[in-house]
């Protein structure tokens, strides 16, 4: 398992829970929260892109690219039902 996914999972379940034989019987609410944490983590990946485009492109390109990133993150949130 990816270390970051394990870290996110540990926000919901105790570390020893992963080694338990009933891990396959996770509560739906826990799985939903886990999925939400993963989606939010992906959304945060756009922050460095925003900074990059602010400092390395002219104003016209910045507006276009930043709008595209905002639209993309908005669509991800809608698709997965994530609210701020």
C-alpha atoms as a PDB file:
ATOM      1  CA  UNK A   1       0.000   0.000   0.000  1.00  0.00           C
ATOM      2  CA  UNK A   2       1.248   3.479  -0.855  1.00  0.00           C
ATOM      3  CA  UNK A   3       2.560   5.252   2.263  1.00  0.00           C
ATOM      4  CA  UNK A   4       0.364   8.327   1.741  1.00  0.00           C
ATOM      5  CA  UNK A   5      -2.732   6.138   1.374  1.00  0.00           C
ATOM      6  CA  UNK A   6      -1.754   4.389   4.607  1.00  0.00           C
ATOM      7  CA  UNK A   7      -1.408   7.781   6.327  1.00  0.00           C
ATOM      8  CA  UNK A   8      -4.858   8.823   5.127  1.00  0.00           C
ATOM      9  CA  UNK A   9      -6.319   5.492   6.201  1.00  0.00           C
ATOM     10  CA  UNK A  10      -4.794   5.917   9.644  1.00  0.00           C
ATOM     11  CA  UNK A  11      -6.800   9.109  10.035  1.00  0.00           C
ATOM     12  CA  UNK A  12      -9.862   6.857  10.033  1.00  0.00           C
ATOM     13  CA  UNK A  13      -8.667   3.498  11.325  1.00  0.00           C
ATOM     14  CA  UNK A  14      -6.038   2.625  13.895  1.00  0.00           C
ATOM     15  CA  UNK A  15      -2.821   1.144  12.500  1.00  0.00           C
ATOM     16  CA  UNK A  16      -3.520  -2.275  13.995  1.00  0.00           C
ATOM     17  CA  UNK A  17      -6.887  -2.393  12.204  1.00  0.00           C
ATOM     18  CA  UNK A  18      -5.110  -3.004   8.896  1.00  0.00           C
ATOM     19  CA  UNK A  19      -3.572  -6.206  10.228  1.00  0.00           C
ATOM     20  CA  UNK A  20      -6.866  -7.524  11.577  1.00  0.00           C
ATOM     21  CA  UNK A  21      -8.492 -10.472   9.787  1.00  0.00           C
ATOM     22  CA  UNK A  22     -11.849  -8.619   9.381  1.00  0.00           C
ATOM     23  CA  UNK A  23     -10.475  -5.680   7.400  1.00  0.00           C
ATOM     24  CA  UNK A  24     -12.768  -6.650   4.520  1.00  0.00           C
ATOM     25  CA  UNK A  25     -15.817  -5.729   6.660  1.00  0.00           C
ATOM     26  CA  UNK A  26     -15.246  -1.994   6.766  1.00  0.00           C
ATOM     27  CA  UNK A  27     -18.210   0.230   7.408  1.00  0.00           C
ATOM     28  CA  UNK A  28     -19.508   2.092   4.349  1.00  0.00           C
ATOM     29  CA  UNK A  29     -19.174   5.431   6.154  1.00  0.00           C
ATOM     30  CA  UNK A  30     -15.504   4.710   6.811  1.00  0.00           C
ATOM     31  CA  UNK A  31     -14.920   3.789   3.188  1.00  0.00           C
ATOM     32  CA  UNK A  32     -16.703   6.943   2.030  1.00  0.00           C
ATOM     33  CA  UNK A  33     -14.548   9.093   4.312  1.00  0.00           C
ATOM     34  CA  UNK A  34     -11.415   7.306   3.118  1.00  0.00           C
ATOM     35  CA  UNK A  35     -12.338   7.900  -0.525  1.00  0.00           C
ATOM     36  CA  UNK A  36     -13.059  11.558   0.245  1.00  0.00           C
ATOM     37  CA  UNK A  37      -9.623  11.973   1.816  1.00  0.00           C
ATOM     38  CA  UNK A  38      -7.985  10.505  -1.286  1.00  0.00           C
ATOM     39  CA  UNK A  39      -9.953  12.816  -3.599  1.00  0.00           C
ATOM     40  CA  UNK A  40      -9.092  15.860  -1.465  1.00  0.00           C
ATOM     41  CA  UNK A  41      -5.424  14.849  -1.566  1.00  0.00           C
ATOM     42  CA  UNK A  42      -5.608  14.750  -5.371  1.00  0.00           C
ATOM     43  CA  UNK A  43      -7.261  18.165  -5.444  1.00  0.00           C
ATOM     44  CA  UNK A  44      -4.433  19.621  -3.370  1.00  0.00           C
ATOM     45  CA  UNK A  45      -2.000  18.535  -6.070  1.00  0.00           C
ATOM     46  CA  UNK A  46      -3.280  21.415  -8.196  1.00  0.00           C
ATOM     47  CA  UNK A  47      -1.865  24.003  -5.749  1.00  0.00           C
ATOM     48  CA  UNK A  48       1.734  23.737  -7.029  1.00  0.00           C
ATOM     49  CA  UNK A  49       0.421  24.033 -10.596  1.00  0.00           C
ATOM     50  CA  UNK A  50      -1.325  27.272  -9.719  1.00  0.00           C
ATOM     51  CA  UNK A  51       1.875  28.691  -8.238  1.00  0.00           C
ATOM     52  CA  UNK A  52       3.850  27.556 -11.275  1.00  0.00           C
ATOM     53  CA  UNK A  53       1.498  29.247 -13.725  1.00  0.00           C
ATOM     54  CA  UNK A  54       1.346  32.454 -11.720  1.00  0.00           C
ATOM     55  CA  UNK A  55       5.120  32.880 -11.789  1.00  0.00           C
ATOM     56  CA  UNK A  56       6.071  31.469 -15.173  1.00  0.00           C
ATOM     57  CA  UNK A  57       3.449  32.688 -17.656  1.00  0.00           C
ATOM     58  CA  UNK A  58       2.213  36.010 -18.910  1.00  0.00           C
ATOM     59  CA  UNK A  59      -1.067  37.414 -17.622  1.00  0.00           C
ATOM     60  CA  UNK A  60      -3.203  36.208 -20.534  1.00  0.00           C
ATOM     61  CA  UNK A  61      -1.933  32.614 -20.195  1.00  0.00           C
ATOM     62  CA  UNK A  62      -2.345  32.790 -16.412  1.00  0.00           C
ATOM     63  CA  UNK A  63      -6.025  33.630 -16.698  1.00  0.00           C
ATOM     64  CA  UNK A  64      -6.679  30.790 -19.126  1.00  0.00           C
ATOM     65  CA  UNK A  65      -4.657  28.177 -17.272  1.00  0.00           C
ATOM     66  CA  UNK A  66      -5.903  29.109 -13.810  1.00  0.00           C
ATOM     67  CA  UNK A  67      -9.495  29.004 -15.049  1.00  0.00           C
ATOM     68  CA  UNK A  68      -8.854  25.558 -16.514  1.00  0.00           C
ATOM     69  CA  UNK A  69      -7.401  24.304 -13.214  1.00  0.00           C
ATOM     70  CA  UNK A  70     -10.345  25.771 -11.287  1.00  0.00           C
ATOM     71  CA  UNK A  71     -12.823  24.124 -13.667  1.00  0.00           C
ATOM     72  CA  UNK A  72     -11.019  20.814 -13.375  1.00  0.00           C
ATOM     73  CA  UNK A  73     -10.988  20.814  -9.567  1.00  0.00           C
ATOM     74  CA  UNK A  74     -14.638  21.879  -9.529  1.00  0.00           C
ATOM     75  CA  UNK A  75     -15.584  18.988 -11.813  1.00  0.00           C
ATOM     76  CA  UNK A  76     -13.693  16.516  -9.628  1.00  0.00           C
ATOM     77  CA  UNK A  77     -15.543  17.787  -6.559  1.00  0.00           C
ATOM     78  CA  UNK A  78     -18.902  17.509  -8.312  1.00  0.00           C
ATOM     79  CA  UNK A  79     -18.118  14.072  -9.710  1.00  0.00           C
ATOM     80  CA  UNK A  80     -17.211  12.676  -6.284  1.00  0.00           C
ATOM     81  CA  UNK A  81     -19.700  14.752  -4.263  1.00  0.00           C
ATOM     82  CA  UNK A  82     -17.023  16.538  -2.276  1.00  0.00           C
ATOM     83  CA  UNK A  83     -17.972  19.847  -0.689  1.00  0.00           C
ATOM     84  CA  UNK A  84     -15.643  22.378   0.878  1.00  0.00           C
END
